[in-house]
Amino acid sequence: MINKLIYDYIEYDKKTGVFKWTKQLGRKTLPGKIAGCINDQGYVVIRFDGVRYPAHWLAWDICVGIRNKIEIDHINGIRSDNRIENLRIVSHRANMINQKCHRNGKLPGAFYVERKNKWRVRIRINGVATSLGYFYSESDAHEAYMKKYNEIEGIV
């Protein structure tokens, strides 16, 4: 849960995705200074009252409202880019599909099995891995994965 007092101390620029301190809170929190730092996972986090808040959570809360058990995805995959236009609500599965390895040419759901010389497709449904079969091409395997994924997510 977000401590709403934090909004008395920071301001958010929707166009740049940058947070700045508006009031002095300590030695490092000077008005006008950029709030937060990038953690080891590449996310901007802002420390307030002993709690580290991911900046994308704060941006979403300011612009849209509370996030309640949802995941906020960085559309372009750059975890420090907190412009509101770069954020979206997604399911955990959709968030995993947008991982860096998938944006660099690897297609979600498709895994090459060398001994069979085919592409295998597996998808998790309610925590259980389900095989969708083997395919001769990565694109066919990915297509089968996405068809099942859209069926599960209710996307037509």
N, C-alpha and C. Protein backbone atom coordinates (compact mmCIF):
# COMPACT_ATOMS: atom_id res chain seq x y z
N MET A 1 0.84 -1.18 0.00
CA MET A 1 0.00 0.00 0.00
C MET A 1 0.89 1.25 0.00
N ILE A 2 0.50 2.23 -0.75
CA ILE A 2 1.30 3.45 -0.88
C ILE A 2 0.92 4.43 0.22
N ASN A 3 1.94 4.96 0.89
CA ASN A 3 1.73 6.02 1.88
C ASN A 3 1.45 7.31 1.11
N LYS A 4 0.21 7.78 1.17
CA LYS A 4 -0.21 8.94 0.37
C LYS A 4 0.53 10.22 0.72
N LEU A 5 1.20 10.26 1.88
CA LEU A 5 1.97 11.44 2.25
C LEU A 5 3.11 11.70 1.28
N ILE A 6 3.54 10.66 0.57
CA ILE A 6 4.64 10.82 -0.38
C ILE A 6 4.31 11.87 -1.44
N TYR A 7 3.03 11.99 -1.77
CA TYR A 7 2.63 12.93 -2.82
C TYR A 7 2.76 14.39 -2.39
N ASP A 8 2.94 14.63 -1.09
CA ASP A 8 3.22 15.98 -0.61
C ASP A 8 4.68 16.35 -0.84
N TYR A 9 5.52 15.37 -1.12
CA TYR A 9 6.95 15.58 -1.24
C TYR A 9 7.51 15.40 -2.65
N ILE A 10 6.71 14.85 -3.55
CA ILE A 10 7.20 14.64 -4.92
C ILE A 10 6.22 15.19 -5.94
N GLU A 11 6.75 15.47 -7.11
CA GLU A 11 5.91 15.83 -8.26
C GLU A 11 6.34 14.95 -9.43
N TYR A 12 5.39 14.68 -10.30
CA TYR A 12 5.62 13.76 -11.42
C TYR A 12 5.38 14.48 -12.73
N ASP A 13 6.31 14.35 -13.66
CA ASP A 13 6.17 14.92 -15.00
C ASP A 13 5.77 13.79 -15.94
N LYS A 14 4.53 13.80 -16.41
CA LYS A 14 4.01 12.72 -17.28
C LYS A 14 4.78 12.60 -18.58
N LYS A 15 5.28 13.71 -19.10
CA LYS A 15 5.97 13.69 -20.39
C LYS A 15 7.35 13.05 -20.30
N THR A 16 8.05 13.28 -19.18
CA THR A 16 9.40 12.74 -19.05
C THR A 16 9.45 11.49 -18.17
N GLY A 17 8.42 11.31 -17.33
CA GLY A 17 8.40 10.18 -16.41
C GLY A 17 9.30 10.37 -15.20
N VAL A 18 9.75 11.60 -14.99
CA VAL A 18 10.68 11.90 -13.90
C VAL A 18 9.94 12.45 -12.69
N PHE A 19 10.37 12.00 -11.52
CA PHE A 19 9.86 12.52 -10.25
C PHE A 19 10.89 13.47 -9.68
N LYS A 20 10.41 14.56 -9.06
CA LYS A 20 11.30 15.50 -8.37
C LYS A 20 10.74 15.77 -6.98
N TRP A 21 11.65 16.04 -6.07
CA TRP A 21 11.25 16.40 -4.72
C TRP A 21 10.68 17.81 -4.73
N THR A 22 9.61 18.03 -3.97
CA THR A 22 9.03 19.37 -3.86
C THR A 22 9.32 19.98 -2.50
N LYS A 23 9.65 19.15 -1.51
CA LYS A 23 9.98 19.61 -0.16
C LYS A 23 11.21 18.85 0.32
N GLN A 24 11.93 19.48 1.21
CA GLN A 24 13.09 18.81 1.78
C GLN A 24 12.64 17.83 2.85
N LEU A 25 13.13 16.61 2.73
CA LEU A 25 12.77 15.55 3.67
C LEU A 25 14.00 15.12 4.46
N GLY A 26 15.15 15.28 3.88
CA GLY A 26 16.41 14.91 4.51
C GLY A 26 17.53 15.62 3.77
N ARG A 27 18.77 15.19 4.02
CA ARG A 27 19.90 15.85 3.35
C ARG A 27 19.86 15.71 1.85
N LYS A 28 19.41 14.56 1.37
CA LYS A 28 19.45 14.28 -0.07
C LYS A 28 18.19 14.67 -0.82
N THR A 29 17.13 14.97 -0.12
CA THR A 29 15.85 15.26 -0.77
C THR A 29 15.62 16.77 -0.86
N LEU A 30 16.37 17.41 -1.71
CA LEU A 30 16.26 18.86 -1.88
C LEU A 30 15.20 19.18 -2.93
N PRO A 31 14.41 20.23 -2.70
CA PRO A 31 13.39 20.61 -3.68
C PRO A 31 14.01 20.83 -5.07
N GLY A 32 13.37 20.27 -6.07
CA GLY A 32 13.86 20.38 -7.45
C GLY A 32 14.80 19.28 -7.86
N LYS A 33 15.33 18.53 -6.90
CA LYS A 33 16.25 17.44 -7.22
C LYS A 33 15.46 16.20 -7.64
N ILE A 34 16.00 15.46 -8.59
CA ILE A 34 15.34 14.23 -9.05
C ILE A 34 15.23 13.25 -7.91
N ALA A 35 14.04 12.69 -7.75
CA ALA A 35 13.77 11.74 -6.68
C ALA A 35 14.06 10.32 -7.15
N GLY A 36 14.61 9.53 -6.26
CA GLY A 36 14.82 8.12 -6.54
C GLY A 36 16.16 7.80 -7.15
N CYS A 37 16.36 6.49 -7.31
CA CYS A 37 17.57 5.98 -7.94
C CYS A 37 17.20 4.69 -8.67
N ILE A 38 18.08 4.23 -9.51
CA ILE A 38 17.84 3.01 -10.27
C ILE A 38 18.39 1.84 -9.46
N ASN A 39 17.53 0.83 -9.20
CA ASN A 39 17.98 -0.33 -8.43
C ASN A 39 18.71 -1.32 -9.32
N ASP A 40 19.15 -2.43 -8.74
CA ASP A 40 19.96 -3.41 -9.49
C ASP A 40 19.17 -4.14 -10.57
N GLN A 41 17.84 -4.00 -10.57
CA GLN A 41 17.02 -4.60 -11.62
C GLN A 41 16.66 -3.60 -12.71
N GLY A 42 17.10 -2.35 -12.57
CA GLY A 42 16.87 -1.34 -13.58
C GLY A 42 15.63 -0.48 -13.36
N TYR A 43 14.92 -0.69 -12.26
CA TYR A 43 13.73 0.11 -11.95
C TYR A 43 14.10 1.33 -11.12
N VAL A 44 13.40 2.44 -11.35
CA VAL A 44 13.56 3.61 -10.49
C VAL A 44 12.75 3.36 -9.22
N VAL A 45 13.38 3.54 -8.08
CA VAL A 45 12.69 3.40 -6.80
C VAL A 45 12.89 4.68 -6.00
N ILE A 46 11.84 5.06 -5.29
CA ILE A 46 11.87 6.27 -4.47
C ILE A 46 11.66 5.86 -3.02
N ARG A 47 12.59 6.21 -2.18
CA ARG A 47 12.50 5.85 -0.76
C ARG A 47 11.78 6.96 0.00
N PHE A 48 10.76 6.55 0.75
CA PHE A 48 9.99 7.50 1.55
C PHE A 48 9.56 6.81 2.84
N ASP A 49 9.85 7.41 3.95
CA ASP A 49 9.46 6.90 5.26
C ASP A 49 9.90 5.44 5.45
N GLY A 50 11.11 5.13 4.99
CA GLY A 50 11.67 3.80 5.17
C GLY A 50 11.21 2.75 4.19
N VAL A 51 10.38 3.13 3.22
CA VAL A 51 9.85 2.18 2.24
C VAL A 51 10.32 2.60 0.84
N ARG A 52 10.71 1.60 0.05
CA ARG A 52 11.09 1.86 -1.35
C ARG A 52 9.89 1.61 -2.25
N TYR A 53 9.49 2.65 -2.97
CA TYR A 53 8.35 2.54 -3.89
C TYR A 53 8.84 2.54 -5.32
N PRO A 54 8.45 1.54 -6.12
CA PRO A 54 8.79 1.59 -7.54
C PRO A 54 8.11 2.81 -8.18
N ALA A 55 8.88 3.58 -8.93
CA ALA A 55 8.36 4.81 -9.51
C ALA A 55 7.19 4.55 -10.46
N HIS A 56 7.18 3.39 -11.15
CA HIS A 56 6.07 3.13 -12.07
C HIS A 56 4.77 2.91 -11.31
N TRP A 57 4.84 2.39 -10.08
CA TRP A 57 3.64 2.27 -9.25
C TRP A 57 3.10 3.65 -8.91
N LEU A 58 4.02 4.56 -8.51
CA LEU A 58 3.61 5.91 -8.15
C LEU A 58 3.03 6.66 -9.35
N ALA A 59 3.68 6.51 -10.50
CA ALA A 59 3.19 7.17 -11.71
C ALA A 59 1.78 6.70 -12.04
N TRP A 60 1.57 5.39 -11.97
CA TRP A 60 0.25 4.83 -12.28
C TRP A 60 -0.79 5.32 -11.27
N ASP A 61 -0.43 5.34 -10.00
CA ASP A 61 -1.35 5.78 -8.95
C ASP A 61 -1.73 7.25 -9.14
N ILE A 62 -0.77 8.08 -9.50
CA ILE A 62 -1.04 9.50 -9.72
C ILE A 62 -1.96 9.72 -10.92
N CYS A 63 -1.70 9.02 -12.01
CA CYS A 63 -2.42 9.27 -13.26
C CYS A 63 -3.71 8.47 -13.41
N VAL A 64 -3.75 7.26 -12.89
CA VAL A 64 -4.88 6.38 -13.14
C VAL A 64 -5.60 5.98 -11.86
N GLY A 65 -4.85 5.69 -10.84
CA GLY A 65 -5.43 5.23 -9.58
C GLY A 65 -4.67 4.04 -9.06
N ILE A 66 -5.08 3.56 -7.94
CA ILE A 66 -4.37 2.49 -7.24
C ILE A 66 -4.25 1.24 -8.11
N ARG A 67 -3.18 0.50 -7.93
CA ARG A 67 -2.87 -0.63 -8.80
C ARG A 67 -3.41 -1.96 -8.31
N ASN A 68 -3.78 -2.11 -7.04
CA ASN A 68 -4.39 -3.32 -6.48
C ASN A 68 -4.11 -4.63 -7.21
N LYS A 69 -3.06 -5.31 -6.83
CA LYS A 69 -2.75 -6.67 -7.29
C LYS A 69 -2.71 -6.82 -8.81
N ILE A 70 -2.24 -5.81 -9.50
CA ILE A 70 -2.08 -5.89 -10.95
C ILE A 70 -0.61 -5.65 -11.25
N GLU A 71 -0.23 -5.94 -12.44
CA GLU A 71 1.15 -5.66 -12.84
C GLU A 71 1.16 -4.52 -13.83
N ILE A 72 2.15 -3.68 -13.67
CA ILE A 72 2.34 -2.54 -14.56
C ILE A 72 3.57 -2.84 -15.39
N ASP A 73 3.38 -2.83 -16.70
CA ASP A 73 4.42 -3.20 -17.64
C ASP A 73 5.00 -1.96 -18.30
N HIS A 74 6.30 -1.96 -18.52
CA HIS A 74 6.95 -0.92 -19.32
C HIS A 74 6.90 -1.40 -20.77
N ILE A 75 6.09 -0.78 -21.57
CA ILE A 75 5.82 -1.24 -22.94
C ILE A 75 7.11 -1.40 -23.74
N ASN A 76 8.00 -0.41 -23.66
CA ASN A 76 9.23 -0.48 -24.45
C ASN A 76 10.32 -1.32 -23.79
N GLY A 77 10.03 -1.86 -22.59
CA GLY A 77 10.98 -2.73 -21.91
C GLY A 77 12.06 -2.00 -21.13
N ILE A 78 12.07 -0.67 -21.20
CA ILE A 78 13.06 0.11 -20.46
C ILE A 78 12.49 0.40 -19.08
N ARG A 79 13.00 -0.28 -18.08
CA ARG A 79 12.42 -0.24 -16.73
C ARG A 79 12.52 1.11 -16.05
N SER A 80 13.40 1.96 -16.53
CA SER A 80 13.54 3.29 -15.92
C SER A 80 12.71 4.34 -16.65
N ASP A 81 12.02 3.96 -17.72
CA ASP A 81 11.19 4.89 -18.50
C ASP A 81 9.77 4.88 -17.92
N ASN A 82 9.49 5.84 -17.05
CA ASN A 82 8.22 5.87 -16.34
C ASN A 82 7.23 6.90 -16.89
N ARG A 83 7.36 7.23 -18.17
CA ARG A 83 6.34 8.08 -18.80
C ARG A 83 5.03 7.31 -18.79
N ILE A 84 3.94 7.97 -18.50
CA ILE A 84 2.66 7.28 -18.39
C ILE A 84 2.29 6.60 -19.71
N GLU A 85 2.69 7.15 -20.84
CA GLU A 85 2.39 6.52 -22.13
C GLU A 85 3.15 5.21 -22.34
N ASN A 86 4.18 4.99 -21.52
CA ASN A 86 4.96 3.76 -21.62
C ASN A 86 4.52 2.70 -20.61
N LEU A 87 3.51 3.00 -19.82
CA LEU A 87 3.04 2.07 -18.80
C LEU A 87 1.67 1.52 -19.17
N ARG A 88 1.44 0.26 -18.81
CA ARG A 88 0.14 -0.35 -19.06
C ARG A 88 -0.11 -1.44 -18.03
N ILE A 89 -1.38 -1.70 -17.80
CA ILE A 89 -1.80 -2.78 -16.90
C ILE A 89 -1.78 -4.07 -17.72
N VAL A 90 -1.19 -5.11 -17.17
CA VAL A 90 -1.15 -6.40 -17.86
C VAL A 90 -1.28 -7.53 -16.85
N SER A 91 -1.60 -8.69 -17.36
CA SER A 91 -1.57 -9.89 -16.53
C SER A 91 -0.11 -10.28 -16.34
N HIS A 92 0.15 -11.15 -15.38
CA HIS A 92 1.51 -11.62 -15.15
C HIS A 92 2.07 -12.27 -16.42
N ARG A 93 1.24 -13.06 -17.08
CA ARG A 93 1.66 -13.75 -18.30
C ARG A 93 2.08 -12.74 -19.38
N ALA A 94 1.28 -11.69 -19.57
CA ALA A 94 1.61 -10.68 -20.58
C ALA A 94 2.89 -9.94 -20.21
N ASN A 95 3.07 -9.71 -18.92
CA ASN A 95 4.29 -9.04 -18.46
C ASN A 95 5.51 -9.90 -18.78
N MET A 96 5.39 -11.21 -18.59
CA MET A 96 6.50 -12.12 -18.88
C MET A 96 6.79 -12.18 -20.38
N ILE A 97 5.75 -12.09 -21.20
CA ILE A 97 5.94 -12.11 -22.65
C ILE A 97 6.74 -10.90 -23.11
N ASN A 98 6.62 -9.78 -22.40
CA ASN A 98 7.32 -8.56 -22.78
C ASN A 98 8.74 -8.49 -22.21
N GLN A 99 9.26 -9.60 -21.74
CA GLN A 99 10.63 -9.61 -21.23
C GLN A 99 11.61 -9.35 -22.36
N LYS A 100 12.79 -8.88 -21.99
CA LYS A 100 13.82 -8.53 -22.95
C LYS A 100 14.14 -9.67 -23.92
N CYS A 101 14.20 -10.90 -23.41
CA CYS A 101 14.57 -12.03 -24.29
C CYS A 101 13.53 -12.20 -25.40
N HIS A 102 12.29 -11.85 -25.14
CA HIS A 102 11.25 -11.99 -26.16
C HIS A 102 11.26 -10.84 -27.16
N ARG A 103 11.70 -9.68 -26.72
CA ARG A 103 11.76 -8.54 -27.65
C ARG A 103 12.99 -8.62 -28.54
N ASN A 104 13.95 -9.46 -28.21
CA ASN A 104 15.17 -9.58 -29.01
C ASN A 104 15.09 -10.73 -30.00
N GLY A 105 13.91 -11.03 -30.47
CA GLY A 105 13.77 -12.02 -31.52
C GLY A 105 13.29 -13.38 -31.06
N LYS A 106 13.44 -13.72 -29.79
CA LYS A 106 12.97 -15.01 -29.30
C LYS A 106 11.45 -14.93 -29.15
N LEU A 107 10.76 -15.88 -29.70
CA LEU A 107 9.30 -15.86 -29.66
C LEU A 107 8.79 -16.61 -28.44
N PRO A 108 7.87 -16.00 -27.68
CA PRO A 108 7.34 -16.65 -26.48
C PRO A 108 6.69 -17.99 -26.77
N GLY A 109 6.91 -18.92 -25.87
CA GLY A 109 6.26 -20.22 -25.96
C GLY A 109 6.98 -21.24 -26.80
N ALA A 110 7.92 -20.81 -27.63
CA ALA A 110 8.60 -21.71 -28.55
C ALA A 110 10.00 -22.07 -28.02
N PHE A 111 10.26 -23.38 -27.90
CA PHE A 111 11.55 -23.87 -27.41
C PHE A 111 12.05 -24.95 -28.35
N TYR A 112 13.27 -24.77 -28.82
CA TYR A 112 13.82 -25.73 -29.77
C TYR A 112 14.29 -26.99 -29.04
N VAL A 113 13.87 -28.15 -29.55
CA VAL A 113 14.27 -29.44 -29.00
C VAL A 113 15.17 -30.10 -30.04
N GLU A 114 16.47 -30.06 -29.76
CA GLU A 114 17.45 -30.51 -30.74
C GLU A 114 17.29 -31.98 -31.12
N ARG A 115 17.03 -32.84 -30.16
CA ARG A 115 16.94 -34.27 -30.46
C ARG A 115 15.76 -34.61 -31.37
N LYS A 116 14.75 -33.75 -31.39
CA LYS A 116 13.59 -33.97 -32.27
C LYS A 116 13.64 -33.09 -33.51
N ASN A 117 14.56 -32.12 -33.48
CA ASN A 117 14.69 -31.17 -34.58
C ASN A 117 13.36 -30.44 -34.83
N LYS A 118 12.68 -30.08 -33.72
CA LYS A 118 11.40 -29.39 -33.79
C LYS A 118 11.30 -28.37 -32.67
N TRP A 119 10.29 -27.53 -32.79
CA TRP A 119 10.00 -26.51 -31.79
C TRP A 119 8.85 -26.98 -30.92
N ARG A 120 9.06 -26.97 -29.62
CA ARG A 120 8.04 -27.41 -28.67
C ARG A 120 7.31 -26.19 -28.10
N VAL A 121 6.03 -26.37 -27.85
CA VAL A 121 5.24 -25.30 -27.26
C VAL A 121 4.66 -25.77 -25.94
N ARG A 122 4.91 -24.96 -24.90
CA ARG A 122 4.30 -25.21 -23.59
C ARG A 122 3.76 -23.89 -23.06
N ILE A 123 2.65 -23.99 -22.33
CA ILE A 123 2.04 -22.81 -21.73
C ILE A 123 1.59 -23.18 -20.33
N ARG A 124 1.67 -22.23 -19.41
CA ARG A 124 1.21 -22.47 -18.04
C ARG A 124 -0.24 -22.01 -17.92
N ILE A 125 -1.08 -22.91 -17.44
CA ILE A 125 -2.48 -22.61 -17.19
C ILE A 125 -2.75 -22.93 -15.73
N ASN A 126 -3.06 -21.91 -14.95
CA ASN A 126 -3.27 -22.06 -13.51
C ASN A 126 -2.08 -22.76 -12.83
N GLY A 127 -0.88 -22.38 -13.25
CA GLY A 127 0.33 -22.91 -12.63
C GLY A 127 0.78 -24.27 -13.15
N VAL A 128 0.02 -24.86 -14.05
CA VAL A 128 0.36 -26.19 -14.58
C VAL A 128 0.85 -26.04 -16.03
N ALA A 129 2.04 -26.57 -16.30
CA ALA A 129 2.57 -26.51 -17.67
C ALA A 129 1.81 -27.50 -18.55
N THR A 130 1.32 -27.01 -19.67
CA THR A 130 0.57 -27.82 -20.61
C THR A 130 1.28 -27.79 -21.96
N SER A 131 1.53 -28.94 -22.52
CA SER A 131 2.19 -29.02 -23.82
C SER A 131 1.17 -28.82 -24.93
N LEU A 132 1.54 -28.02 -25.91
CA LEU A 132 0.68 -27.81 -27.08
C LEU A 132 1.24 -28.52 -28.31
N GLY A 133 2.32 -29.26 -28.12
CA GLY A 133 2.86 -30.07 -29.22
C GLY A 133 4.18 -29.56 -29.77
N TYR A 134 4.59 -30.18 -30.88
CA TYR A 134 5.84 -29.87 -31.56
C TYR A 134 5.54 -29.33 -32.95
N PHE A 135 6.41 -28.41 -33.41
CA PHE A 135 6.21 -27.77 -34.71
C PHE A 135 7.54 -27.70 -35.44
N TYR A 136 7.47 -27.65 -36.76
CA TYR A 136 8.69 -27.61 -37.57
C TYR A 136 9.35 -26.24 -37.58
N SER A 137 8.57 -25.18 -37.33
CA SER A 137 9.16 -23.84 -37.35
C SER A 137 8.84 -23.10 -36.05
N GLU A 138 9.72 -22.19 -35.70
CA GLU A 138 9.53 -21.38 -34.50
C GLU A 138 8.28 -20.51 -34.64
N SER A 139 8.03 -19.99 -35.83
CA SER A 139 6.86 -19.12 -36.02
C SER A 139 5.55 -19.90 -35.88
N ASP A 140 5.52 -21.15 -36.35
CA ASP A 140 4.32 -21.97 -36.17
C ASP A 140 4.09 -22.29 -34.69
N ALA A 141 5.18 -22.57 -33.98
CA ALA A 141 5.09 -22.86 -32.55
C ALA A 141 4.59 -21.63 -31.80
N HIS A 142 5.14 -20.48 -32.13
CA HIS A 142 4.72 -19.23 -31.49
C HIS A 142 3.25 -18.92 -31.78
N GLU A 143 2.84 -19.17 -33.00
CA GLU A 143 1.44 -18.93 -33.40
C GLU A 143 0.49 -19.79 -32.55
N ALA A 144 0.86 -21.05 -32.34
CA ALA A 144 0.04 -21.95 -31.51
C ALA A 144 0.00 -21.44 -30.07
N TYR A 145 1.15 -20.99 -29.58
CA TYR A 145 1.21 -20.44 -28.22
C TYR A 145 0.31 -19.22 -28.09
N MET A 146 0.41 -18.29 -29.03
CA MET A 146 -0.37 -17.06 -28.95
C MET A 146 -1.87 -17.33 -29.09
N LYS A 147 -2.23 -18.31 -29.89
CA LYS A 147 -3.65 -18.67 -30.04
C LYS A 147 -4.20 -19.14 -28.70
N LYS A 148 -3.45 -20.01 -28.02
CA LYS A 148 -3.88 -20.51 -26.71
C LYS A 148 -3.85 -19.40 -25.67
N TYR A 149 -2.82 -18.55 -25.72
CA TYR A 149 -2.70 -17.43 -24.81
C TYR A 149 -3.90 -16.50 -24.93
N ASN A 150 -4.25 -16.15 -26.15
CA ASN A 150 -5.40 -15.26 -26.37
C ASN A 150 -6.70 -15.91 -25.91
N GLU A 151 -6.81 -17.20 -26.08
CA GLU A 151 -7.99 -17.94 -25.60
C GLU A 151 -8.09 -17.85 -24.08
N ILE A 152 -6.96 -18.04 -23.41
CA ILE A 152 -6.93 -17.98 -21.95
C ILE A 152 -7.24 -16.57 -21.45
N GLU A 153 -6.67 -15.58 -22.09
CA GLU A 153 -6.84 -14.19 -21.67
C GLU A 153 -8.18 -13.60 -22.12
N GLY A 154 -8.90 -14.35 -22.96
CA GLY A 154 -10.20 -13.86 -23.44
C GLY A 154 -10.08 -12.83 -24.53
N ILE A 155 -8.97 -12.85 -25.26
CA ILE A 155 -8.76 -11.92 -26.36
C ILE A 155 -9.22 -12.59 -27.65
N VAL A 156 -10.04 -11.90 -28.40
CA VAL A 156 -10.55 -12.49 -29.64
C VAL A 156 -9.70 -12.09 -30.80
